Amino acid sequence: MSDLNNATLSKIKSLHQINVDSIEGWKLAIEEIEHTELQTLFRGILQNREQQAAELASYLESHGAEVDHDTSFLSTVHRWWLDAKESIASKDNTAVVEEADRGEESILKKYDDLVNDEAVRASSLHPVLQRQHAQVDADHNRVHAMKERLQAAR
C-alpha cells in the first residue's frame, strides 16, 4: 500500500515521465552536437536522468502504479527538445545550451513542487526526491554556467 495519495502519485508519475523525455533529449543532443565539452556535460546529465527515472519507476511500481517507460509527446521537456533540435541542426552550441538551461529549469521547478509537497515530505520517497532535487539543481547550475561561458565568448 502506498504512503501517498493518488494525486501525489500522479505528480510523481509526471516527474518520472519528464525524466524519461529528458533522457531522449539528452541522447539526441549528444548524437548531434560536435562540441566535446558539451557532449561530456550532457552525458553526465543523461546518466543522472536515467538513474532518477529508474528510481522513480521502481517506487511507483512498488506502490502499484503503472509506469510508462516511453517518451511523451505532451511534456514540457519534449517541447523544449523540439526547440533544441532546431538549435542542434543549426550547429549553434550556445543556442543548444540555452535550450538545455530552460529545460533544466523546468525540471527543477517540478522537483521543487514535489519536494515541498506535504504528502511527499511525510513519505518514504522524500529523501530520494531530495537527493534527486539536489542533483537536478547541480546539473542546472553546470548547464547555466556553460551557457554564460558560451555567451561571453560570442
N, C-alpha and C. Protein backbone atom coordinates (compact mmCIF):
# COMPACT_ATOMS: atom_id res chain seq x y z
N MET A 1 0.84 -1.20 0.00
CA MET A 1 0.00 0.00 0.00
C MET A 1 0.88 1.25 0.00
N SER A 2 0.47 2.24 -0.71
CA SER A 2 1.24 3.47 -0.85
C SER A 2 1.07 4.37 0.38
N ASP A 3 2.15 5.08 0.69
CA ASP A 3 2.05 6.08 1.75
C ASP A 3 1.72 7.45 1.16
N LEU A 4 1.33 7.47 -0.12
CA LEU A 4 0.94 8.70 -0.80
C LEU A 4 -0.43 8.53 -1.44
N ASN A 5 -1.16 9.64 -1.57
CA ASN A 5 -2.47 9.59 -2.19
C ASN A 5 -2.34 9.57 -3.72
N ASN A 6 -3.44 9.30 -4.39
CA ASN A 6 -3.42 9.18 -5.85
C ASN A 6 -2.98 10.46 -6.55
N ALA A 7 -3.37 11.60 -6.04
CA ALA A 7 -2.97 12.87 -6.67
C ALA A 7 -1.45 13.05 -6.60
N THR A 8 -0.88 12.69 -5.47
CA THR A 8 0.57 12.82 -5.32
C THR A 8 1.29 11.79 -6.16
N LEU A 9 0.78 10.57 -6.22
CA LEU A 9 1.36 9.55 -7.09
C LEU A 9 1.32 10.00 -8.55
N SER A 10 0.25 10.69 -8.93
CA SER A 10 0.14 11.22 -10.28
C SER A 10 1.24 12.25 -10.56
N LYS A 11 1.53 13.09 -9.58
CA LYS A 11 2.63 14.06 -9.73
C LYS A 11 3.97 13.35 -9.88
N ILE A 12 4.15 12.28 -9.14
CA ILE A 12 5.40 11.52 -9.23
C ILE A 12 5.50 10.85 -10.59
N LYS A 13 4.37 10.33 -11.10
CA LYS A 13 4.37 9.75 -12.44
C LYS A 13 4.73 10.80 -13.49
N SER A 14 4.23 12.00 -13.31
CA SER A 14 4.56 13.10 -14.22
C SER A 14 6.05 13.42 -14.17
N LEU A 15 6.61 13.43 -12.98
CA LEU A 15 8.04 13.69 -12.82
C LEU A 15 8.86 12.57 -13.47
N HIS A 16 8.41 11.34 -13.30
CA HIS A 16 9.08 10.22 -13.96
C HIS A 16 9.05 10.43 -15.48
N GLN A 17 7.90 10.80 -16.01
CA GLN A 17 7.76 10.99 -17.45
C GLN A 17 8.68 12.11 -17.95
N ILE A 18 8.80 13.16 -17.18
CA ILE A 18 9.70 14.26 -17.56
C ILE A 18 11.14 13.76 -17.62
N ASN A 19 11.51 12.92 -16.68
CA ASN A 19 12.86 12.34 -16.71
C ASN A 19 13.06 11.46 -17.94
N VAL A 20 12.06 10.66 -18.28
CA VAL A 20 12.14 9.80 -19.46
C VAL A 20 12.29 10.66 -20.73
N ASP A 21 11.47 11.69 -20.83
CA ASP A 21 11.56 12.58 -22.00
C ASP A 21 12.91 13.29 -22.06
N SER A 22 13.40 13.68 -20.91
CA SER A 22 14.70 14.34 -20.84
C SER A 22 15.81 13.42 -21.33
N ILE A 23 15.72 12.16 -20.97
CA ILE A 23 16.72 11.17 -21.41
C ILE A 23 16.82 11.18 -22.94
N GLU A 24 15.69 11.15 -23.60
CA GLU A 24 15.70 11.13 -25.06
C GLU A 24 16.28 12.43 -25.62
N GLY A 25 15.97 13.55 -24.98
CA GLY A 25 16.52 14.82 -25.42
C GLY A 25 18.04 14.88 -25.29
N TRP A 26 18.54 14.39 -24.16
CA TRP A 26 20.00 14.39 -23.97
C TRP A 26 20.67 13.47 -24.96
N LYS A 27 20.06 12.32 -25.24
CA LYS A 27 20.63 11.40 -26.24
C LYS A 27 20.72 12.07 -27.60
N LEU A 28 19.65 12.76 -27.99
CA LEU A 28 19.63 13.47 -29.27
C LEU A 28 20.75 14.51 -29.32
N ALA A 29 20.86 15.28 -28.27
CA ALA A 29 21.88 16.33 -28.25
C ALA A 29 23.28 15.75 -28.34
N ILE A 30 23.54 14.68 -27.61
CA ILE A 30 24.87 14.05 -27.61
C ILE A 30 25.21 13.54 -29.00
N GLU A 31 24.22 12.95 -29.67
CA GLU A 31 24.45 12.41 -31.02
C GLU A 31 24.71 13.50 -32.04
N GLU A 32 24.06 14.63 -31.89
CA GLU A 32 24.07 15.64 -32.95
C GLU A 32 25.12 16.74 -32.79
N ILE A 33 25.49 17.06 -31.56
CA ILE A 33 26.47 18.15 -31.41
C ILE A 33 27.88 17.61 -31.58
N GLU A 34 28.77 18.49 -31.93
CA GLU A 34 30.16 18.10 -32.16
C GLU A 34 31.10 18.69 -31.11
N HIS A 35 30.60 19.43 -30.18
CA HIS A 35 31.38 20.10 -29.13
C HIS A 35 31.67 19.08 -28.03
N THR A 36 32.92 18.67 -27.91
CA THR A 36 33.31 17.59 -26.99
C THR A 36 32.96 17.91 -25.54
N GLU A 37 33.21 19.14 -25.11
CA GLU A 37 32.92 19.50 -23.72
C GLU A 37 31.42 19.44 -23.43
N LEU A 38 30.61 19.86 -24.39
CA LEU A 38 29.15 19.77 -24.22
C LEU A 38 28.70 18.32 -24.20
N GLN A 39 29.27 17.49 -25.05
CA GLN A 39 28.92 16.07 -25.05
C GLN A 39 29.21 15.44 -23.69
N THR A 40 30.36 15.78 -23.11
CA THR A 40 30.73 15.25 -21.79
C THR A 40 29.74 15.72 -20.73
N LEU A 41 29.42 17.00 -20.74
CA LEU A 41 28.45 17.55 -19.79
C LEU A 41 27.10 16.85 -19.96
N PHE A 42 26.64 16.73 -21.20
CA PHE A 42 25.34 16.14 -21.46
C PHE A 42 25.31 14.66 -21.10
N ARG A 43 26.41 13.94 -21.31
CA ARG A 43 26.45 12.52 -20.93
C ARG A 43 26.27 12.36 -19.42
N GLY A 44 26.91 13.23 -18.66
CA GLY A 44 26.76 13.17 -17.20
C GLY A 44 25.33 13.40 -16.77
N ILE A 45 24.68 14.38 -17.38
CA ILE A 45 23.29 14.67 -17.05
C ILE A 45 22.39 13.52 -17.50
N LEU A 46 22.68 12.96 -18.67
CA LEU A 46 21.92 11.81 -19.16
C LEU A 46 21.97 10.67 -18.15
N GLN A 47 23.15 10.37 -17.64
CA GLN A 47 23.27 9.29 -16.66
C GLN A 47 22.47 9.59 -15.40
N ASN A 48 22.49 10.83 -14.97
CA ASN A 48 21.69 11.22 -13.80
C ASN A 48 20.20 11.02 -14.05
N ARG A 49 19.72 11.44 -15.24
CA ARG A 49 18.30 11.29 -15.55
C ARG A 49 17.90 9.82 -15.64
N GLU A 50 18.78 8.99 -16.20
CA GLU A 50 18.48 7.56 -16.28
C GLU A 50 18.32 6.96 -14.89
N GLN A 51 19.20 7.33 -13.99
CA GLN A 51 19.11 6.83 -12.62
C GLN A 51 17.85 7.35 -11.94
N GLN A 52 17.57 8.63 -12.12
CA GLN A 52 16.39 9.21 -11.49
C GLN A 52 15.11 8.56 -12.01
N ALA A 53 15.02 8.37 -13.32
CA ALA A 53 13.83 7.73 -13.89
C ALA A 53 13.67 6.32 -13.35
N ALA A 54 14.77 5.59 -13.27
CA ALA A 54 14.71 4.21 -12.76
C ALA A 54 14.25 4.18 -11.30
N GLU A 55 14.76 5.09 -10.49
CA GLU A 55 14.35 5.13 -9.07
C GLU A 55 12.87 5.47 -8.94
N LEU A 56 12.42 6.45 -9.70
CA LEU A 56 11.01 6.83 -9.63
C LEU A 56 10.11 5.70 -10.13
N ALA A 57 10.53 5.05 -11.21
CA ALA A 57 9.74 3.92 -11.74
C ALA A 57 9.65 2.80 -10.71
N SER A 58 10.76 2.50 -10.07
CA SER A 58 10.78 1.44 -9.06
C SER A 58 9.83 1.78 -7.91
N TYR A 59 9.86 3.02 -7.45
CA TYR A 59 8.97 3.44 -6.36
C TYR A 59 7.52 3.31 -6.80
N LEU A 60 7.21 3.83 -7.98
CA LEU A 60 5.83 3.79 -8.45
C LEU A 60 5.34 2.35 -8.63
N GLU A 61 6.16 1.52 -9.24
CA GLU A 61 5.76 0.13 -9.46
C GLU A 61 5.59 -0.62 -8.14
N SER A 62 6.43 -0.32 -7.17
CA SER A 62 6.30 -0.99 -5.88
C SER A 62 5.06 -0.53 -5.11
N HIS A 63 4.48 0.56 -5.56
CA HIS A 63 3.26 1.07 -4.94
C HIS A 63 2.04 0.88 -5.84
N GLY A 64 2.18 -0.05 -6.81
CA GLY A 64 1.04 -0.44 -7.62
C GLY A 64 0.68 0.47 -8.77
N ALA A 65 1.49 1.45 -9.05
CA ALA A 65 1.18 2.37 -10.14
C ALA A 65 1.77 1.85 -11.45
N GLU A 66 1.03 2.06 -12.54
CA GLU A 66 1.55 1.72 -13.85
C GLU A 66 2.54 2.80 -14.27
N VAL A 67 3.63 2.36 -14.88
CA VAL A 67 4.68 3.29 -15.29
C VAL A 67 4.89 3.17 -16.78
N ASP A 68 4.87 4.31 -17.46
CA ASP A 68 5.13 4.36 -18.89
C ASP A 68 6.60 4.68 -19.09
N HIS A 69 7.30 3.79 -19.77
CA HIS A 69 8.74 3.98 -19.99
C HIS A 69 9.02 4.60 -21.35
N ASP A 70 7.98 4.92 -22.11
CA ASP A 70 8.14 5.55 -23.42
C ASP A 70 8.06 7.06 -23.28
N THR A 71 8.60 7.75 -24.27
CA THR A 71 8.56 9.20 -24.22
C THR A 71 7.14 9.69 -24.45
N SER A 72 6.88 10.89 -23.97
CA SER A 72 5.58 11.53 -24.07
C SER A 72 5.67 12.66 -25.10
N PHE A 73 4.64 12.83 -25.88
CA PHE A 73 4.64 13.92 -26.85
C PHE A 73 4.00 15.18 -26.28
N LEU A 74 3.59 15.16 -25.04
CA LEU A 74 2.89 16.30 -24.48
C LEU A 74 3.70 17.05 -23.43
N SER A 75 4.84 16.53 -23.05
CA SER A 75 5.55 17.13 -21.92
C SER A 75 6.25 18.43 -22.29
N THR A 76 6.44 19.25 -21.29
CA THR A 76 7.18 20.50 -21.44
C THR A 76 8.59 20.22 -21.93
N VAL A 77 9.20 19.19 -21.39
CA VAL A 77 10.57 18.87 -21.77
C VAL A 77 10.62 18.48 -23.24
N HIS A 78 9.62 17.75 -23.71
CA HIS A 78 9.64 17.36 -25.12
C HIS A 78 9.54 18.59 -26.01
N ARG A 79 8.67 19.51 -25.68
CA ARG A 79 8.56 20.74 -26.47
C ARG A 79 9.87 21.51 -26.45
N TRP A 80 10.51 21.52 -25.28
CA TRP A 80 11.81 22.17 -25.16
C TRP A 80 12.81 21.50 -26.09
N TRP A 81 12.81 20.15 -26.15
CA TRP A 81 13.77 19.46 -27.01
C TRP A 81 13.46 19.65 -28.48
N LEU A 82 12.21 19.90 -28.84
CA LEU A 82 11.92 20.23 -30.23
C LEU A 82 12.60 21.55 -30.60
N ASP A 83 12.54 22.51 -29.69
CA ASP A 83 13.26 23.77 -29.91
C ASP A 83 14.76 23.52 -29.95
N ALA A 84 15.25 22.69 -29.06
CA ALA A 84 16.67 22.38 -29.01
C ALA A 84 17.12 21.69 -30.28
N LYS A 85 16.26 20.85 -30.84
CA LYS A 85 16.60 20.14 -32.07
C LYS A 85 16.89 21.14 -33.19
N GLU A 86 16.11 22.22 -33.26
CA GLU A 86 16.38 23.27 -34.24
C GLU A 86 17.76 23.88 -34.01
N SER A 87 18.07 24.13 -32.74
CA SER A 87 19.37 24.70 -32.40
C SER A 87 20.49 23.74 -32.76
N ILE A 88 20.27 22.46 -32.50
CA ILE A 88 21.27 21.44 -32.81
C ILE A 88 21.50 21.40 -34.31
N ALA A 89 20.42 21.43 -35.07
CA ALA A 89 20.53 21.37 -36.53
C ALA A 89 21.32 22.56 -37.07
N SER A 90 21.20 23.70 -36.40
CA SER A 90 21.92 24.89 -36.85
C SER A 90 23.37 24.89 -36.38
N LYS A 91 23.74 23.89 -35.57
CA LYS A 91 25.11 23.76 -35.04
C LYS A 91 25.50 24.96 -34.16
N ASP A 92 24.51 25.60 -33.56
CA ASP A 92 24.76 26.73 -32.67
C ASP A 92 24.83 26.21 -31.23
N ASN A 93 26.05 25.99 -30.74
CA ASN A 93 26.24 25.43 -29.41
C ASN A 93 25.62 26.29 -28.32
N THR A 94 25.72 27.60 -28.46
CA THR A 94 25.15 28.50 -27.45
C THR A 94 23.64 28.33 -27.39
N ALA A 95 23.00 28.25 -28.55
CA ALA A 95 21.54 28.07 -28.59
C ALA A 95 21.14 26.73 -27.97
N VAL A 96 21.93 25.68 -28.22
CA VAL A 96 21.65 24.37 -27.64
C VAL A 96 21.71 24.46 -26.12
N VAL A 97 22.74 25.11 -25.60
CA VAL A 97 22.89 25.22 -24.15
C VAL A 97 21.81 26.12 -23.55
N GLU A 98 21.39 27.15 -24.28
CA GLU A 98 20.30 27.99 -23.80
C GLU A 98 19.01 27.17 -23.67
N GLU A 99 18.74 26.31 -24.64
CA GLU A 99 17.56 25.44 -24.56
C GLU A 99 17.71 24.43 -23.42
N ALA A 100 18.90 23.89 -23.26
CA ALA A 100 19.15 22.94 -22.17
C ALA A 100 18.94 23.62 -20.82
N ASP A 101 19.37 24.86 -20.70
CA ASP A 101 19.20 25.62 -19.46
C ASP A 101 17.71 25.80 -19.15
N ARG A 102 16.93 26.13 -20.17
CA ARG A 102 15.47 26.27 -19.97
C ARG A 102 14.85 24.94 -19.54
N GLY A 103 15.28 23.86 -20.17
CA GLY A 103 14.74 22.55 -19.82
C GLY A 103 15.09 22.14 -18.41
N GLU A 104 16.34 22.38 -18.02
CA GLU A 104 16.76 22.04 -16.66
C GLU A 104 16.00 22.87 -15.63
N GLU A 105 15.75 24.12 -15.96
CA GLU A 105 14.98 24.98 -15.05
C GLU A 105 13.56 24.45 -14.89
N SER A 106 12.98 23.97 -15.98
CA SER A 106 11.63 23.40 -15.93
C SER A 106 11.59 22.16 -15.04
N ILE A 107 12.57 21.28 -15.21
CA ILE A 107 12.62 20.07 -14.39
C ILE A 107 12.83 20.43 -12.92
N LEU A 108 13.70 21.39 -12.67
CA LEU A 108 13.97 21.81 -11.30
C LEU A 108 12.69 22.31 -10.61
N LYS A 109 11.86 23.06 -11.34
CA LYS A 109 10.61 23.54 -10.77
C LYS A 109 9.69 22.39 -10.39
N LYS A 110 9.66 21.35 -11.22
CA LYS A 110 8.83 20.17 -10.90
C LYS A 110 9.33 19.50 -9.62
N TYR A 111 10.65 19.39 -9.49
CA TYR A 111 11.22 18.81 -8.27
C TYR A 111 10.93 19.72 -7.07
N ASP A 112 11.05 21.04 -7.25
CA ASP A 112 10.74 21.97 -6.15
C ASP A 112 9.33 21.71 -5.62
N ASP A 113 8.38 21.60 -6.54
CA ASP A 113 6.99 21.39 -6.14
C ASP A 113 6.82 20.09 -5.34
N LEU A 114 7.42 19.02 -5.82
CA LEU A 114 7.24 17.74 -5.15
C LEU A 114 7.99 17.66 -3.82
N VAL A 115 9.19 18.17 -3.77
CA VAL A 115 9.98 18.11 -2.53
C VAL A 115 9.26 18.88 -1.41
N ASN A 116 8.53 19.92 -1.80
CA ASN A 116 7.84 20.74 -0.81
C ASN A 116 6.38 20.32 -0.58
N ASP A 117 5.92 19.31 -1.29
CA ASP A 117 4.56 18.79 -1.12
C ASP A 117 4.44 18.14 0.26
N GLU A 118 3.40 18.49 1.00
CA GLU A 118 3.23 17.97 2.38
C GLU A 118 3.16 16.45 2.42
N ALA A 119 2.43 15.87 1.49
CA ALA A 119 2.30 14.41 1.49
C ALA A 119 3.64 13.74 1.19
N VAL A 120 4.40 14.31 0.29
CA VAL A 120 5.71 13.76 -0.06
C VAL A 120 6.68 13.90 1.11
N ARG A 121 6.61 15.04 1.80
CA ARG A 121 7.52 15.28 2.92
C ARG A 121 7.38 14.21 4.01
N ALA A 122 6.19 13.65 4.13
CA ALA A 122 5.94 12.63 5.15
C ALA A 122 6.13 11.21 4.62
N SER A 123 6.56 11.08 3.37
CA SER A 123 6.65 9.76 2.76
C SER A 123 8.08 9.22 2.74
N SER A 124 8.18 7.95 2.44
CA SER A 124 9.49 7.30 2.31
C SER A 124 10.22 7.76 1.05
N LEU A 125 9.52 8.39 0.12
CA LEU A 125 10.14 8.87 -1.11
C LEU A 125 10.86 10.21 -0.91
N HIS A 126 10.53 10.93 0.14
CA HIS A 126 11.08 12.27 0.31
C HIS A 126 12.61 12.32 0.27
N PRO A 127 13.34 11.45 0.97
CA PRO A 127 14.80 11.51 0.88
C PRO A 127 15.33 11.26 -0.54
N VAL A 128 14.66 10.40 -1.28
CA VAL A 128 15.06 10.14 -2.67
C VAL A 128 14.85 11.39 -3.51
N LEU A 129 13.70 12.02 -3.35
CA LEU A 129 13.41 13.24 -4.11
C LEU A 129 14.34 14.38 -3.71
N GLN A 130 14.68 14.46 -2.43
CA GLN A 130 15.63 15.49 -2.01
C GLN A 130 16.98 15.31 -2.69
N ARG A 131 17.45 14.07 -2.75
CA ARG A 131 18.73 13.78 -3.40
C ARG A 131 18.64 14.08 -4.89
N GLN A 132 17.56 13.64 -5.52
CA GLN A 132 17.39 13.92 -6.94
C GLN A 132 17.28 15.42 -7.20
N HIS A 133 16.56 16.11 -6.35
CA HIS A 133 16.43 17.57 -6.48
C HIS A 133 17.80 18.23 -6.43
N ALA A 134 18.63 17.81 -5.49
CA ALA A 134 19.98 18.37 -5.37
C ALA A 134 20.80 18.10 -6.64
N GLN A 135 20.62 16.90 -7.22
CA GLN A 135 21.36 16.57 -8.45
C GLN A 135 20.87 17.41 -9.62
N VAL A 136 19.55 17.58 -9.75
CA VAL A 136 19.00 18.40 -10.83
C VAL A 136 19.47 19.84 -10.66
N ASP A 137 19.49 20.33 -9.43
CA ASP A 137 19.96 21.69 -9.17
C ASP A 137 21.43 21.83 -9.59
N ALA A 138 22.25 20.85 -9.24
CA ALA A 138 23.67 20.89 -9.63
C ALA A 138 23.81 20.82 -11.15
N ASP A 139 23.02 19.96 -11.80
CA ASP A 139 23.07 19.86 -13.27
C ASP A 139 22.65 21.19 -13.89
N HIS A 140 21.59 21.78 -13.36
CA HIS A 140 21.14 23.07 -13.88
C HIS A 140 22.23 24.12 -13.73
N ASN A 141 22.88 24.14 -12.58
CA ASN A 141 23.96 25.11 -12.37
C ASN A 141 25.11 24.91 -13.35
N ARG A 142 25.44 23.65 -13.64
CA ARG A 142 26.51 23.37 -14.61
C ARG A 142 26.12 23.82 -16.01
N VAL A 143 24.89 23.56 -16.41
CA VAL A 143 24.41 23.98 -17.73
C VAL A 143 24.37 25.50 -17.79
N HIS A 144 23.88 26.12 -16.73
CA HIS A 144 23.78 27.59 -16.70
C HIS A 144 25.17 28.22 -16.80
N ALA A 145 26.12 27.68 -16.09
CA ALA A 145 27.49 28.21 -16.15
C ALA A 145 28.07 28.05 -17.56
N MET A 146 27.80 26.92 -18.19
CA MET A 146 28.26 26.71 -19.56
C MET A 146 27.60 27.70 -20.50
N LYS A 147 26.31 27.95 -20.30
CA LYS A 147 25.59 28.92 -21.13
C LYS A 147 26.24 30.29 -21.02
N GLU A 148 26.51 30.71 -19.79
CA GLU A 148 27.12 32.03 -19.59
C GLU A 148 28.51 32.08 -20.22
N ARG A 149 29.25 31.01 -20.11
CA ARG A 149 30.58 30.98 -20.70
C ARG A 149 30.52 31.08 -22.22
N LEU A 150 29.61 30.34 -22.85
CA LEU A 150 29.49 30.39 -24.30
C LEU A 150 28.96 31.74 -24.78
N GLN A 151 28.02 32.31 -24.03
CA GLN A 151 27.51 33.63 -24.39
C GLN A 151 28.60 34.69 -24.31
N ALA A 152 29.45 34.61 -23.31
CA ALA A 152 30.53 35.57 -23.14
C ALA A 152 31.57 35.46 -24.28
N ALA A 153 31.68 34.26 -24.83
CA ALA A 153 32.67 34.02 -25.89
C ALA A 153 32.17 34.45 -27.27
N ARG A 154 30.89 34.77 -27.36
CA ARG A 154 30.31 35.18 -28.67
C ARG A 154 30.92 36.43 -29.19
